[in-house]
Amino acid sequence: MSFSVPAALESELNELLTHYPQKRSASLMFLHAIQEHFGHISRDAMEWIATRLELQPINIYELVTFYPMFRQEPHGKNQIRICRTLSCALGGSYKLHEFYCKKLGLDRHVHGPQTTKDGKFTVEFVECLASCGTAPVMMCNDTFHEGVSEARAEEILEKCK
């Protein structure tokens, strides 16, 4: 395995371990720290974390693939996540997704993450963002937006440019 972490990050991760009675309990915190440092979580990083926490790689992989905030590939500087579950779908999330794809030159038929050629934006559908009564909802980076109209979507996009 060719993956390694810088000494400062390794020190941070070692300190994190002291807060948990079992190494496994630090899995999510390790994943967040690795993603924050590298921008995504590669397969080698998952194996490194599993070894460090004395787990099987599948134990880390299942976390990365379950939680939508974890990325396996590098993403754009700005991340647009659009809820696609039933309430949001009925409230217009598919039209919202189509709007962003059209504006950014992406394929509206792709539901997984798509990044613009310039690396500035990644657009993707995600599962429930827990605000069904204010559909459609989305996140732009770490900011949550409710009841997003096309006009509001345009404003959000302009703030990122």
Protein backbone atom coordinates (compact mmCIF):
# COMPACT_ATOMS: atom_id res chain seq x y z
CA MET A 1 0.00 0.00 0.00
CA SER A 2 1.46 3.33 -1.05
CA PHE A 3 -0.81 5.54 1.05
CA SER A 4 0.69 7.52 3.90
CA VAL A 5 -0.34 10.47 6.02
CA PRO A 6 1.80 13.44 7.01
CA ALA A 7 3.22 13.37 10.53
CA ALA A 8 0.97 16.20 11.72
CA LEU A 9 -2.16 14.36 10.57
CA GLU A 10 -0.95 11.11 12.09
CA SER A 11 -0.42 12.93 15.39
CA GLU A 12 -3.96 14.33 15.17
CA LEU A 13 -5.36 10.86 14.50
CA ASN A 14 -3.39 9.34 17.39
CA GLU A 15 -4.84 11.99 19.69
CA LEU A 16 -8.34 11.22 18.39
CA LEU A 17 -7.91 7.59 19.37
CA THR A 18 -7.49 8.59 23.01
CA HIS A 19 -11.14 9.75 23.07
CA TYR A 20 -12.63 6.36 22.25
CA PRO A 21 -12.76 3.19 24.37
CA GLN A 22 -12.51 1.02 21.21
CA LYS A 23 -10.49 1.86 18.12
CA ARG A 24 -13.45 1.06 15.86
CA SER A 25 -15.40 3.93 17.42
CA ALA A 26 -12.98 6.41 15.85
CA SER A 27 -13.80 5.26 12.29
CA LEU A 28 -15.98 8.21 11.32
CA MET A 29 -13.60 10.74 12.81
CA PHE A 30 -10.68 9.17 10.92
CA LEU A 31 -12.69 9.32 7.70
CA HIS A 32 -13.55 12.99 8.25
CA ALA A 33 -9.92 13.87 9.01
CA ILE A 34 -8.58 12.01 5.96
CA GLN A 35 -11.16 13.58 3.66
CA GLU A 36 -10.53 17.04 5.08
CA HIS A 37 -6.81 16.67 4.43
CA PHE A 38 -6.83 14.90 1.04
CA GLY A 39 -10.17 16.10 -0.36
CA HIS A 40 -11.52 12.57 -0.76
CA ILE A 41 -11.06 9.05 0.62
CA SER A 42 -9.21 6.74 -1.75
CA ARG A 43 -9.31 2.96 -1.57
CA ASP A 44 -5.74 3.04 -0.24
CA ALA A 45 -6.83 5.47 2.47
CA MET A 46 -9.67 3.13 3.46
CA GLU A 47 -7.20 0.25 3.75
CA TRP A 48 -4.81 2.42 5.77
CA ILE A 49 -7.61 3.41 8.18
CA ALA A 50 -8.74 -0.21 8.51
CA THR A 51 -5.21 -1.35 9.33
CA ARG A 52 -4.72 1.52 11.80
CA LEU A 53 -8.01 0.71 13.57
CA GLU A 54 -7.47 -3.07 13.41
CA LEU A 55 -10.52 -3.61 11.19
CA GLN A 56 -11.22 -5.24 7.87
CA PRO A 57 -11.25 -2.84 4.88
CA ILE A 58 -14.94 -3.67 4.28
CA ASN A 59 -15.75 -2.12 7.66
CA ILE A 60 -14.44 1.22 6.42
CA TYR A 61 -15.70 0.85 2.86
CA GLU A 62 -19.27 0.31 4.07
CA LEU A 63 -19.13 3.60 5.99
CA VAL A 64 -17.75 5.51 3.01
CA THR A 65 -20.40 4.14 0.67
CA PHE A 66 -23.27 4.58 3.15
CA TYR A 67 -22.76 8.18 4.21
CA PRO A 68 -23.21 10.73 1.40
CA MET A 69 -20.75 13.22 2.88
CA PHE A 70 -17.82 10.95 2.13
CA ARG A 71 -16.24 11.14 -1.32
CA GLN A 72 -14.20 8.47 -3.07
CA GLU A 73 -13.11 10.76 -5.89
CA PRO A 74 -11.91 14.36 -5.87
CA HIS A 75 -14.81 16.78 -6.12
CA GLY A 76 -15.14 20.36 -7.25
CA LYS A 77 -14.41 23.37 -5.09
CA ASN A 78 -18.17 23.90 -4.68
CA GLN A 79 -20.41 20.93 -3.99
CA ILE A 80 -24.09 21.06 -4.84
CA ARG A 81 -26.08 18.24 -3.28
CA ILE A 82 -29.75 17.95 -4.19
CA CYS A 83 -32.16 15.75 -2.23
CA ARG A 84 -33.91 13.20 -4.45
CA THR A 85 -36.18 11.41 -2.00
CA LEU A 86 -39.95 11.41 -2.52
CA SER A 87 -40.96 14.72 -0.91
CA CYS A 88 -38.20 16.62 -2.69
CA ALA A 89 -38.80 14.81 -5.97
CA LEU A 90 -42.46 15.83 -5.80
CA GLY A 91 -41.38 19.33 -4.79
CA GLY A 92 -39.15 19.82 -7.83
CA SER A 93 -35.70 18.44 -7.03
CA TYR A 94 -35.36 16.78 -10.44
CA LYS A 95 -36.00 20.12 -12.14
CA LEU A 96 -33.48 21.70 -9.76
CA HIS A 97 -30.89 19.05 -10.68
CA GLU A 98 -31.62 19.58 -14.38
CA PHE A 99 -31.21 23.36 -13.94
CA TYR A 100 -27.76 23.01 -12.36
CA CYS A 101 -26.63 20.43 -14.91
CA LYS A 102 -27.72 22.66 -17.80
CA LYS A 103 -26.04 25.76 -16.31
CA LEU A 104 -22.80 23.90 -15.64
CA GLY A 105 -22.63 21.75 -18.78
CA LEU A 106 -23.25 18.42 -17.04
CA ASP A 107 -25.42 15.44 -17.98
CA ARG A 108 -28.83 15.68 -16.28
CA HIS A 109 -29.29 11.90 -16.58
CA VAL A 110 -26.36 11.13 -14.29
CA HIS A 111 -27.41 10.95 -10.65
CA GLY A 112 -23.97 10.33 -9.21
CA PRO A 113 -21.43 13.08 -8.65
CA GLN A 114 -20.36 15.01 -11.75
CA THR A 115 -17.62 17.60 -11.69
CA THR A 116 -17.22 20.43 -14.17
CA LYS A 117 -14.12 20.35 -16.36
CA ASP A 118 -12.68 23.38 -14.54
CA GLY A 119 -13.06 21.63 -11.16
CA LYS A 120 -15.18 24.41 -9.71
CA PHE A 121 -18.46 22.53 -9.20
CA THR A 122 -19.67 19.04 -8.39
CA VAL A 123 -23.40 18.35 -8.67
CA GLU A 124 -25.04 15.23 -7.31
CA PHE A 125 -28.28 13.78 -6.05
CA VAL A 126 -28.22 12.61 -2.44
CA GLU A 127 -30.67 10.84 -0.21
CA CYS A 128 -32.81 12.61 2.35
CA LEU A 129 -31.50 15.90 3.73
CA ALA A 130 -34.16 15.77 6.49
CA SER A 131 -36.41 18.69 5.59
CA CYS A 132 -39.26 17.06 3.70
CA GLY A 133 -41.73 19.84 4.52
CA THR A 134 -39.62 22.48 2.78
CA ALA A 135 -38.93 20.69 -0.51
CA PRO A 136 -36.96 20.87 -2.63
CA VAL A 137 -33.90 21.12 -0.45
CA MET A 138 -30.21 21.16 -1.29
CA MET A 139 -26.83 21.92 0.14
CA CYS A 140 -24.17 24.08 -1.43
CA ASN A 141 -20.96 23.20 0.34
CA ASP A 142 -21.98 23.22 4.03
CA THR A 143 -24.94 25.59 3.65
CA PHE A 144 -28.43 24.14 3.70
CA HIS A 145 -31.13 25.65 1.46
CA GLU A 146 -34.88 24.99 1.67
CA GLY A 147 -37.66 25.54 -0.86
CA VAL A 148 -35.18 26.26 -3.64
CA SER A 149 -36.75 27.84 -6.71
CA GLU A 150 -34.91 28.26 -10.00
CA ALA A 151 -34.33 31.94 -9.16
CA ARG A 152 -32.87 30.99 -5.77
CA ALA A 153 -30.74 28.30 -7.42
CA GLU A 154 -29.32 30.97 -9.74
CA GLU A 155 -28.46 33.17 -6.74
CA ILE A 156 -26.71 30.29 -4.99
CA LEU A 157 -24.71 29.55 -8.13
CA GLU A 158 -23.67 33.19 -8.57
CA LYS A 159 -22.43 33.41 -4.98
CA CYS A 160 -20.08 30.50 -5.70
CA LYS A 161 -18.59 31.94 -8.89
